[in-house]
Amino acid sequence: MGGAHVDLLENEVAGHLHKIVLVKGALQPSVSKVNERLQILLAFGWAAIFVLASLVILFPVLLGLDAASAACLQVGWASFALIFGDGWIWRSPLSDVTDRAYHKATLEKFEAS
């Protein structure tokens, strides 16, 4: 909200300072949306760690697992979380700049395909 006054004054005072985006090829994922998803993933990750740690208290039989079984469970859950989390983060929505994006080489209006 702090930059709203810049948007209103920009055209009259100095031209287009930050409203135009030059695009080389396809639109890239939005950095702020990737960061937002990373923060959500970290919050869910810590919640999952807490829940999994609590399972040992609820089910003491888990303490009796041999080392190989415990390692298999840990590696399996970590691999699943890594694959799911990484895929979810990078499938984040693209930058929402289609109304103000132009091809870098030709300076023609960019049309998302």
C-alpha atoms as a PDB file:
ATOM      1  CA  MET A   1       0.000   0.000   0.000  1.00  0.00           C
ATOM      2  CA  GLY A   2       3.011   2.260   0.488  1.00  0.00           C
ATOM      3  CA  GLY A   3       3.705   2.409  -3.263  1.00  0.00           C
ATOM      4  CA  ALA A   4       0.155   3.306  -4.305  1.00  0.00           C
ATOM      5  CA  HIS A   5       0.975   7.001  -4.504  1.00  0.00           C
ATOM      6  CA  VAL A   6       3.862   6.195  -6.880  1.00  0.00           C
ATOM      7  CA  ASP A   7       1.442   4.424  -9.224  1.00  0.00           C
ATOM      8  CA  LEU A   8      -0.800   7.500  -9.287  1.00  0.00           C
ATOM      9  CA  LEU A   9       2.010   9.998  -9.904  1.00  0.00           C
ATOM     10  CA  GLU A  10       4.194   7.876 -12.119  1.00  0.00           C
ATOM     11  CA  ASN A  11       2.691   8.674 -15.523  1.00  0.00           C
ATOM     12  CA  GLU A  12       2.556  12.444 -14.936  1.00  0.00           C
ATOM     13  CA  VAL A  13       5.939  12.975 -13.299  1.00  0.00           C
ATOM     14  CA  ALA A  14       8.468  10.475 -14.648  1.00  0.00           C
ATOM     15  CA  GLY A  15       6.805   8.117 -17.125  1.00  0.00           C
ATOM     16  CA  HIS A  16       6.611   4.362 -16.618  1.00  0.00           C
ATOM     17  CA  LEU A  17       9.125   3.468 -13.909  1.00  0.00           C
ATOM     18  CA  HIS A  18       7.959   0.055 -12.772  1.00  0.00           C
ATOM     19  CA  LYS A  19       4.698  -0.646 -14.567  1.00  0.00           C
ATOM     20  CA  ILE A  20       6.312  -2.224 -17.652  1.00  0.00           C
ATOM     21  CA  VAL A  21       7.895  -5.682 -17.624  1.00  0.00           C
ATOM     22  CA  LEU A  22      10.173  -6.826 -20.448  1.00  0.00           C
ATOM     23  CA  VAL A  23       9.786 -10.539 -21.196  1.00  0.00           C
ATOM     24  CA  LYS A  24      12.314 -12.660 -23.111  1.00  0.00           C
ATOM     25  CA  GLY A  25      10.223 -15.823 -23.479  1.00  0.00           C
ATOM     26  CA  ALA A  26       7.520 -17.277 -21.263  1.00  0.00           C
ATOM     27  CA  LEU A  27       6.444 -15.699 -17.990  1.00  0.00           C
ATOM     28  CA  GLN A  28       8.407 -16.848 -14.954  1.00  0.00           C
ATOM     29  CA  PRO A  29       6.960 -17.903 -11.600  1.00  0.00           C
ATOM     30  CA  SER A  30       6.328 -15.000  -9.256  1.00  0.00           C
ATOM     31  CA  VAL A  31       9.098 -14.726  -6.647  1.00  0.00           C
ATOM     32  CA  SER A  32       6.697 -13.492  -3.974  1.00  0.00           C
ATOM     33  CA  LYS A  33       4.288 -16.375  -4.663  1.00  0.00           C
ATOM     34  CA  VAL A  34       7.146 -18.905  -4.499  1.00  0.00           C
ATOM     35  CA  ASN A  35       8.247 -17.364  -1.164  1.00  0.00           C
ATOM     36  CA  GLU A  36       4.677 -17.480   0.136  1.00  0.00           C
ATOM     37  CA  ARG A  37       4.383 -21.159  -0.755  1.00  0.00           C
ATOM     38  CA  LEU A  38       7.766 -21.887   0.813  1.00  0.00           C
ATOM     39  CA  GLN A  39       6.608 -20.297   4.079  1.00  0.00           C
ATOM     40  CA  ILE A  40       3.396 -22.346   4.016  1.00  0.00           C
ATOM     41  CA  LEU A  41       5.391 -25.504   3.323  1.00  0.00           C
ATOM     42  CA  LEU A  42       7.754 -24.764   6.227  1.00  0.00           C
ATOM     43  CA  ALA A  43       4.804 -24.203   8.574  1.00  0.00           C
ATOM     44  CA  PHE A  44       3.199 -27.492   7.516  1.00  0.00           C
ATOM     45  CA  GLY A  45       6.579 -29.215   7.787  1.00  0.00           C
ATOM     46  CA  TRP A  46       7.045 -28.143  11.381  1.00  0.00           C
ATOM     47  CA  ALA A  47       3.461 -29.150  12.182  1.00  0.00           C
ATOM     48  CA  ALA A  48       4.085 -32.574  10.600  1.00  0.00           C
ATOM     49  CA  ILE A  49       7.291 -33.006  12.620  1.00  0.00           C
ATOM     50  CA  PHE A  50       5.355 -32.205  15.805  1.00  0.00           C
ATOM     51  CA  VAL A  51       2.598 -34.677  14.916  1.00  0.00           C
ATOM     52  CA  LEU A  52       5.062 -37.434  14.024  1.00  0.00           C
ATOM     53  CA  ALA A  53       6.974 -36.853  17.262  1.00  0.00           C
ATOM     54  CA  SER A  54       3.678 -37.040  19.152  1.00  0.00           C
ATOM     55  CA  LEU A  55       2.916 -40.430  17.595  1.00  0.00           C
ATOM     56  CA  VAL A  56       5.737 -41.946  19.638  1.00  0.00           C
ATOM     57  CA  ILE A  57       4.004 -40.746  22.795  1.00  0.00           C
ATOM     58  CA  LEU A  58       0.608 -42.029  21.648  1.00  0.00           C
ATOM     59  CA  PHE A  59       1.959 -45.351  20.340  1.00  0.00           C
ATOM     60  CA  PRO A  60       4.940 -46.455  22.460  1.00  0.00           C
ATOM     61  CA  VAL A  61       5.308 -49.570  20.297  1.00  0.00           C
ATOM     62  CA  LEU A  62       7.066 -47.326  17.756  1.00  0.00           C
ATOM     63  CA  LEU A  63       9.988 -47.041  20.170  1.00  0.00           C
ATOM     64  CA  GLY A  64      10.570 -50.773  19.702  1.00  0.00           C
ATOM     65  CA  LEU A  65      11.258 -50.539  15.945  1.00  0.00           C
ATOM     66  CA  ASP A  66      14.643 -51.802  14.848  1.00  0.00           C
ATOM     67  CA  ALA A  67      17.076 -49.328  13.296  1.00  0.00           C
ATOM     68  CA  ALA A  68      16.420 -50.450   9.703  1.00  0.00           C
ATOM     69  CA  SER A  69      12.633 -50.052  10.003  1.00  0.00           C
ATOM     70  CA  ALA A  70      12.937 -46.668  11.687  1.00  0.00           C
ATOM     71  CA  ALA A  71      15.371 -45.449   9.013  1.00  0.00           C
ATOM     72  CA  CYS A  72      13.065 -46.704   6.254  1.00  0.00           C
ATOM     73  CA  LEU A  73      10.127 -44.780   7.746  1.00  0.00           C
ATOM     74  CA  GLN A  74      12.187 -41.624   8.149  1.00  0.00           C
ATOM     75  CA  VAL A  75      13.670 -41.714   4.645  1.00  0.00           C
ATOM     76  CA  GLY A  76      10.291 -42.584   3.109  1.00  0.00           C
ATOM     77  CA  TRP A  77       8.451 -39.695   4.770  1.00  0.00           C
ATOM     78  CA  ALA A  78      11.265 -37.249   4.030  1.00  0.00           C
ATOM     79  CA  SER A  79      11.391 -38.307   0.352  1.00  0.00           C
ATOM     80  CA  PHE A  80       7.626 -37.960   0.001  1.00  0.00           C
ATOM     81  CA  ALA A  81       7.686 -34.507   1.616  1.00  0.00           C
ATOM     82  CA  LEU A  82      10.592 -33.363  -0.560  1.00  0.00           C
ATOM     83  CA  ILE A  83       8.991 -34.509  -3.820  1.00  0.00           C
ATOM     84  CA  PHE A  84       5.541 -33.167  -2.956  1.00  0.00           C
ATOM     85  CA  GLY A  85       6.794 -29.892  -1.507  1.00  0.00           C
ATOM     86  CA  ASP A  86       9.226 -29.149  -4.316  1.00  0.00           C
ATOM     87  CA  GLY A  87       6.615 -29.851  -6.974  1.00  0.00           C
ATOM     88  CA  TRP A  88       4.019 -27.741  -5.204  1.00  0.00           C
ATOM     89  CA  ILE A  89       6.345 -24.758  -4.801  1.00  0.00           C
ATOM     90  CA  TRP A  90       7.496 -24.669  -8.424  1.00  0.00           C
ATOM     91  CA  ARG A  91       3.993 -25.102  -9.829  1.00  0.00           C
ATOM     92  CA  SER A  92       3.152 -21.785  -8.251  1.00  0.00           C
ATOM     93  CA  PRO A  93       1.180 -19.287 -10.289  1.00  0.00           C
ATOM     94  CA  LEU A  94       3.060 -17.240 -12.821  1.00  0.00           C
ATOM     95  CA  SER A  95       3.677 -13.559 -12.429  1.00  0.00           C
ATOM     96  CA  ASP A  96       0.522 -11.565 -12.961  1.00  0.00           C
ATOM     97  CA  VAL A  97       1.983  -9.005 -15.366  1.00  0.00           C
ATOM     98  CA  THR A  98       0.286  -9.945 -18.633  1.00  0.00           C
ATOM     99  CA  ASP A  99      -1.442  -6.575 -18.928  1.00  0.00           C
ATOM    100  CA  ARG A 100       1.869  -4.693 -18.722  1.00  0.00           C
ATOM    101  CA  ALA A 101       4.358  -7.141 -20.267  1.00  0.00           C
ATOM    102  CA  TYR A 102       6.204  -6.497 -23.528  1.00  0.00           C
ATOM    103  CA  HIS A 103       8.623  -8.632 -25.572  1.00  0.00           C
ATOM    104  CA  LYS A 104      12.154  -7.489 -24.829  1.00  0.00           C
ATOM    105  CA  ALA A 105      13.415  -7.739 -28.424  1.00  0.00           C
ATOM    106  CA  THR A 106      10.469  -6.187 -30.274  1.00  0.00           C
ATOM    107  CA  LEU A 107       8.764  -4.131 -27.534  1.00  0.00           C
ATOM    108  CA  GLU A 108       5.424  -5.494 -28.753  1.00  0.00           C
ATOM    109  CA  LYS A 109       2.679  -6.313 -26.237  1.00  0.00           C
ATOM    110  CA  PHE A 110       3.175  -9.758 -24.725  1.00  0.00           C
ATOM    111  CA  GLU A 111       0.325 -12.231 -25.238  1.00  0.00           C
ATOM    112  CA  ALA A 112       0.330 -15.193 -22.847  1.00  0.00           C
ATOM    113  CA  SER A 113      -0.214 -18.469 -24.625  1.00  0.00           C
END
